[in-house]
Amino acid sequence: MNASTEIASKSAAAIERARAEGRPALITYLPAGFPDVQATIDAAVAMAENGADVIEVGIPYSDPVMDGPVIQAATTEALEKGFRVASIFDIVAGITARCDAAVMVMTYWNPVMRMGVREFSRRLAEAGGAGLITPDLIPDEAAEWFAASDEFGLDRVFLTAPSSTPERVKMTVEACRGFVYCVSVMGVTGARSEVSAATRGVVDAAHEAGAPRACVGLGVSRREHVEEIGAYADGVIVGTALVAALGEGGVPAVAALTAHLSGKDQA
């Protein structure tokens, strides 16, 4: 189950480049197909051009269990416009052709199983994708994913939470390749005015379990949050605030917010 050290990790390399520059990595999220496929690609490239190191593209799902209302509305719109899971590979290829950011796909496990784990992994690797973030898959049930991710050189990112036991954190850390996704709040996602008090504890637990890179998601919406979390985490994940910006102001709004979050607007 241990992550294979001989496989180069695109997301790890991106986070380490940020570390070498003395800053936390900025990891940004968009739902695939919102407001349409080309806009997702253009918005992701704008993120990369304005300081995003890793870009997460989420596959819309009809029954999201942890997405807040902003992301739920965006994924619902994408599905209503006819988004199909296979389009994720076109999106990833479209992004990786135009920028150097590591592109991760975030998805519930069912769409991967339906396509076939190996087939999904092969197509993701061919599109230039870095790997998968799987919120509802636990390492205990991921044998097929371990095999496919090793075969195609993909990162695998599992989640830890404030409720995770030390044993569970250690198992998760050992299963991950790239980084560990530390959920800072229990419940659904959404931008918040303050960073959860539990955030540092989740990151510290991951580091203590041996994680070389622990990144925090859920609730980040401002540059102050990035700086605060970046003092102890290796990467900061922003989703809802960017999805809202895309919905309200299109690609230019995404570019501006990404520049603010990364500090490039002050450079």
Protein backbone atom coordinates (compact mmCIF):
# COMPACT_ATOMS: atom_id res chain seq x y z
CA MET A 1 0.00 0.00 0.00
CA ASN A 2 2.95 2.34 0.44
CA ALA A 3 3.30 4.97 -2.25
CA SER A 4 5.87 3.94 -4.82
CA THR A 5 8.91 6.15 -4.57
CA GLU A 6 10.09 5.38 -8.11
CA ILE A 7 7.06 7.02 -9.72
CA ALA A 8 7.50 10.74 -10.35
CA SER A 9 4.62 12.76 -8.93
CA LYS A 10 3.51 15.82 -10.88
CA SER A 11 1.63 17.35 -7.95
CA ALA A 12 4.53 16.72 -5.57
CA ALA A 13 6.90 18.44 -8.00
CA ALA A 14 4.60 21.45 -8.24
CA ILE A 15 4.29 21.74 -4.46
CA GLU A 16 8.04 21.36 -4.02
CA ARG A 17 8.67 24.15 -6.55
CA ALA A 18 6.48 26.41 -4.45
CA ARG A 19 8.31 25.33 -1.30
CA ALA A 20 11.64 26.20 -2.94
CA GLU A 21 10.24 29.70 -3.50
CA GLY A 22 9.39 29.95 0.20
CA ARG A 23 5.60 29.84 -0.15
CA PRO A 24 2.74 27.38 0.15
CA ALA A 25 1.44 25.89 -3.07
CA LEU A 26 -1.83 27.34 -4.31
CA ILE A 27 -4.24 24.58 -5.33
CA THR A 28 -7.38 25.74 -7.13
CA TYR A 29 -10.61 23.95 -7.95
CA LEU A 30 -13.23 24.18 -10.70
CA PRO A 31 -16.10 21.85 -11.62
CA ALA A 32 -15.68 20.36 -15.10
CA GLY A 33 -18.10 21.69 -17.69
CA PHE A 34 -19.02 24.87 -15.83
CA PRO A 35 -20.22 27.04 -17.39
CA ASP A 36 -19.13 24.92 -20.37
CA VAL A 37 -16.15 22.77 -21.33
CA GLN A 38 -14.15 25.49 -23.07
CA ALA A 39 -14.75 27.95 -20.23
CA THR A 40 -13.43 25.38 -17.75
CA ILE A 41 -10.25 25.04 -19.78
CA ASP A 42 -9.83 28.80 -20.19
CA ALA A 43 -10.46 29.44 -16.49
CA ALA A 44 -7.98 26.77 -15.44
CA VAL A 45 -5.30 28.19 -17.72
CA ALA A 46 -5.99 31.66 -16.29
CA MET A 47 -5.48 30.19 -12.83
CA ALA A 48 -2.12 28.75 -13.84
CA GLU A 49 -1.06 32.05 -15.39
CA ASN A 50 -1.91 33.86 -12.17
CA GLY A 51 -0.15 31.71 -9.63
CA ALA A 52 -1.96 28.36 -9.25
CA ASP A 53 0.48 25.48 -8.86
CA VAL A 54 -1.99 22.59 -8.90
CA ILE A 55 -5.44 22.69 -10.51
CA GLU A 56 -8.24 20.39 -9.42
CA VAL A 57 -11.02 19.73 -11.91
CA GLY A 58 -14.07 18.13 -10.34
CA ILE A 59 -16.33 15.71 -12.18
CA PRO A 60 -19.97 16.82 -11.70
CA TYR A 61 -21.96 14.27 -9.75
CA SER A 62 -25.70 13.97 -9.41
CA ASP A 63 -25.64 13.31 -5.65
CA PRO A 64 -22.75 15.26 -4.12
CA VAL A 65 -22.24 14.50 -0.45
CA MET A 66 -19.76 17.18 0.57
CA ASP A 67 -20.19 20.07 -1.87
CA GLY A 68 -21.68 23.32 -0.62
CA PRO A 69 -24.43 25.23 -2.46
CA VAL A 70 -22.16 27.22 -4.81
CA ILE A 71 -20.42 24.13 -6.18
CA GLN A 72 -23.66 22.13 -6.17
CA ALA A 73 -25.32 24.78 -8.34
CA ALA A 74 -22.36 24.82 -10.74
CA THR A 75 -22.24 21.05 -11.10
CA THR A 76 -26.00 20.89 -11.57
CA GLU A 77 -25.71 23.43 -14.40
CA ALA A 78 -22.89 21.44 -16.02
CA LEU A 79 -24.97 18.25 -15.90
CA GLU A 80 -28.05 20.00 -17.26
CA LYS A 81 -25.97 21.20 -20.21
CA GLY A 82 -25.08 17.62 -21.00
CA PHE A 83 -21.65 17.12 -19.40
CA ARG A 84 -20.40 13.56 -19.79
CA VAL A 85 -17.66 11.92 -17.74
CA ALA A 86 -15.56 11.26 -20.86
CA SER A 87 -15.32 15.03 -21.40
CA ILE A 88 -12.99 15.24 -18.40
CA PHE A 89 -10.15 13.91 -20.54
CA ASP A 90 -10.70 16.63 -23.16
CA ILE A 91 -10.63 19.24 -20.40
CA VAL A 92 -7.45 17.89 -18.82
CA ALA A 93 -5.73 17.66 -22.21
CA GLY A 94 -6.87 21.19 -23.05
CA ILE A 95 -5.37 22.55 -19.85
CA THR A 96 -2.09 20.63 -19.90
CA ALA A 97 -1.47 21.66 -23.52
CA ARG A 98 -1.45 25.32 -22.48
CA CYS A 99 0.24 25.46 -19.05
CA ASP A 100 2.62 23.65 -16.71
CA ALA A 101 0.36 23.34 -13.67
CA ALA A 102 -0.26 19.84 -12.34
CA VAL A 103 -3.87 18.93 -13.13
CA MET A 104 -5.69 16.65 -10.70
CA VAL A 105 -9.18 15.27 -11.19
CA MET A 106 -11.43 15.24 -8.12
CA THR A 107 -14.20 12.71 -8.32
CA TYR A 108 -16.47 10.47 -6.36
CA TRP A 109 -15.51 6.89 -7.05
CA ASN A 110 -18.62 5.68 -8.84
CA PRO A 111 -17.89 7.37 -12.23
CA VAL A 112 -14.41 5.81 -12.24
CA MET A 113 -15.81 2.35 -11.47
CA ARG A 114 -18.43 2.68 -14.17
CA MET A 115 -15.85 3.44 -16.84
CA GLY A 116 -13.39 0.90 -15.45
CA VAL A 117 -10.58 1.89 -13.12
CA ARG A 118 -7.80 0.92 -15.49
CA GLU A 119 -9.46 2.51 -18.52
CA PHE A 120 -10.11 5.75 -16.64
CA SER A 121 -6.51 5.81 -15.41
CA ARG A 122 -5.10 5.15 -18.87
CA ARG A 123 -7.11 7.95 -20.45
CA LEU A 124 -6.25 10.38 -17.65
CA ALA A 125 -2.55 9.68 -18.04
CA GLU A 126 -2.77 10.08 -21.82
CA ALA A 127 -4.43 13.48 -21.32
CA GLY A 128 -1.52 14.63 -19.18
CA GLY A 129 -3.36 14.45 -15.87
CA ALA A 130 -1.43 14.18 -12.63
CA GLY A 131 -3.81 11.91 -10.74
CA LEU A 132 -7.02 11.64 -8.74
CA ILE A 133 -8.44 13.08 -5.53
CA THR A 134 -11.09 10.66 -4.28
CA PRO A 135 -13.23 12.02 -1.40
CA ASP A 136 -15.35 8.91 -0.88
CA LEU A 137 -12.72 6.22 -1.49
CA ILE A 138 -10.76 4.90 1.49
CA PRO A 139 -7.39 3.12 1.17
CA ASP A 140 -8.88 -0.12 2.52
CA GLU A 141 -11.08 -0.39 -0.59
CA ALA A 142 -8.67 0.99 -3.19
CA ALA A 143 -6.68 -2.06 -4.34
CA GLU A 144 -7.72 -1.66 -7.97
CA TRP A 145 -6.83 2.04 -7.88
CA PHE A 146 -3.42 1.30 -6.33
CA ALA A 147 -2.64 -1.04 -9.21
CA ALA A 148 -3.86 1.31 -11.95
CA SER A 149 -2.20 4.41 -10.47
CA ASP A 150 1.11 2.57 -10.25
CA GLU A 151 0.78 1.27 -13.80
CA PHE A 152 0.10 4.70 -15.29
CA GLY A 153 2.19 6.83 -12.92
CA LEU A 154 -0.71 8.76 -11.39
CA ASP A 155 -0.92 10.52 -8.05
CA ARG A 156 -3.51 9.29 -5.58
CA VAL A 157 -4.81 11.68 -2.98
CA PHE A 158 -7.00 10.57 -0.08
CA LEU A 159 -8.59 12.76 2.58
CA THR A 160 -8.05 13.11 6.31
CA ALA A 161 -10.37 15.03 8.64
CA PRO A 162 -10.53 16.28 12.23
CA SER A 163 -12.33 13.04 13.10
CA SER A 164 -9.62 10.75 11.69
CA THR A 165 -7.91 8.51 14.23
CA PRO A 166 -4.07 8.40 14.35
CA GLU A 167 -4.23 4.90 12.82
CA ARG A 168 -6.45 6.11 10.00
CA VAL A 169 -4.24 9.15 9.35
CA LYS A 170 -1.14 6.93 9.11
CA MET A 171 -2.88 4.55 6.70
CA THR A 172 -4.03 7.48 4.58
CA VAL A 173 -0.60 9.14 4.51
CA GLU A 174 1.04 5.89 3.43
CA ALA A 175 -1.54 5.41 0.68
CA CYS A 176 -1.18 8.89 -0.83
CA ARG A 177 1.21 9.89 -3.58
CA GLY A 178 1.58 13.60 -4.26
CA PHE A 179 0.00 15.09 -1.17
CA VAL A 180 -2.50 14.46 1.59
CA TYR A 181 -5.78 16.38 1.39
CA CYS A 182 -6.55 17.67 4.88
CA VAL A 183 -10.19 18.61 5.38
CA SER A 184 -10.30 21.44 7.89
CA VAL A 185 -14.00 21.41 8.75
CA MET A 186 -16.61 18.73 9.16
CA GLY A 187 -19.57 19.06 6.83
CA VAL A 188 -20.04 20.58 3.39
CA THR A 189 -17.68 22.91 1.57
CA GLY A 190 -18.02 26.66 1.24
CA ALA A 191 -16.09 29.89 1.58
CA ARG A 192 -15.80 31.10 5.14
CA SER A 193 -14.71 34.36 6.71
CA GLU A 194 -12.35 32.64 9.15
CA VAL A 195 -10.17 29.55 8.96
CA SER A 196 -11.37 26.63 11.06
CA ALA A 197 -9.62 26.24 14.40
CA ALA A 198 -9.18 22.54 13.60
CA THR A 199 -7.11 23.25 10.51
CA ARG A 200 -3.67 23.18 12.09
CA GLY A 201 -4.44 20.04 14.04
CA VAL A 202 -5.34 18.12 10.89
CA VAL A 203 -2.17 19.26 9.13
CA ASP A 204 0.03 18.52 12.15
CA ALA A 205 -1.46 15.03 12.42
CA ALA A 206 -0.65 14.33 8.78
CA HIS A 207 2.91 15.61 9.16
CA GLU A 208 3.40 13.58 12.33
CA ALA A 209 2.24 10.48 10.44
CA GLY A 210 4.98 11.08 7.87
CA ALA A 211 3.26 13.13 5.17
CA PRO A 212 5.87 15.13 3.22
CA ARG A 213 3.13 17.36 1.82
CA ALA A 214 -0.13 18.16 3.60
CA CYS A 215 -2.55 20.55 1.92
CA VAL A 216 -5.70 22.10 3.38
CA GLY A 217 -9.06 22.46 1.72
CA LEU A 218 -12.55 23.69 2.59
CA GLY A 219 -13.34 27.27 3.50
CA VAL A 220 -10.42 29.27 2.08
CA SER A 221 -11.51 32.45 0.32
CA ARG A 222 -8.99 35.25 0.97
CA ARG A 223 -5.28 36.00 0.71
CA GLU A 224 -5.07 36.23 4.51
CA HIS A 225 -6.28 32.64 4.73
CA VAL A 226 -3.55 31.52 2.33
CA GLU A 227 -0.88 33.27 4.37
CA GLU A 228 -2.24 32.01 7.69
CA ILE A 229 -2.52 28.39 6.59
CA GLY A 230 0.71 28.56 4.60
CA ALA A 231 2.63 29.07 7.82
CA TYR A 232 2.14 25.38 8.65
CA ALA A 233 0.65 23.66 5.58
CA ASP A 234 2.41 22.83 2.33
CA GLY A 235 -0.48 23.85 0.12
CA VAL A 236 -3.74 25.76 0.34
CA ILE A 237 -6.82 24.60 -1.60
CA VAL A 238 -9.42 27.11 -2.82
CA GLY A 239 -12.66 26.09 -4.48
CA THR A 240 -15.95 27.79 -3.69
CA ALA A 241 -14.66 31.36 -3.94
CA LEU A 242 -13.24 30.68 -7.41
CA VAL A 243 -16.36 28.89 -8.63
CA ALA A 244 -18.44 31.87 -7.49
CA ALA A 245 -16.06 34.23 -9.31
CA LEU A 246 -16.36 32.22 -12.52
CA GLY A 247 -20.14 32.23 -12.30
CA GLU A 248 -20.37 35.94 -11.61
CA GLY A 249 -17.54 37.42 -13.65
CA GLY A 250 -16.24 34.78 -16.03
CA VAL A 251 -12.60 34.00 -16.73
CA PRO A 252 -11.36 37.56 -15.96
CA ALA A 253 -12.80 37.32 -12.44
CA VAL A 254 -11.12 33.96 -11.91
CA ALA A 255 -7.81 35.39 -13.09
CA ALA A 256 -8.11 38.37 -10.75
CA LEU A 257 -9.04 36.29 -7.70
CA THR A 258 -6.26 33.78 -8.36
CA ALA A 259 -3.75 36.63 -8.62
CA HIS A 260 -5.04 37.97 -5.28
CA LEU A 261 -4.83 34.57 -3.59
CA SER A 262 -1.32 33.93 -4.90
CA GLY A 263 -0.09 37.44 -4.15
CA LYS A 264 0.81 38.05 -7.80
CA ASP A 265 -1.42 41.13 -7.83
CA GLN A 266 1.01 42.68 -5.35
CA ALA A 267 4.17 41.65 -7.16
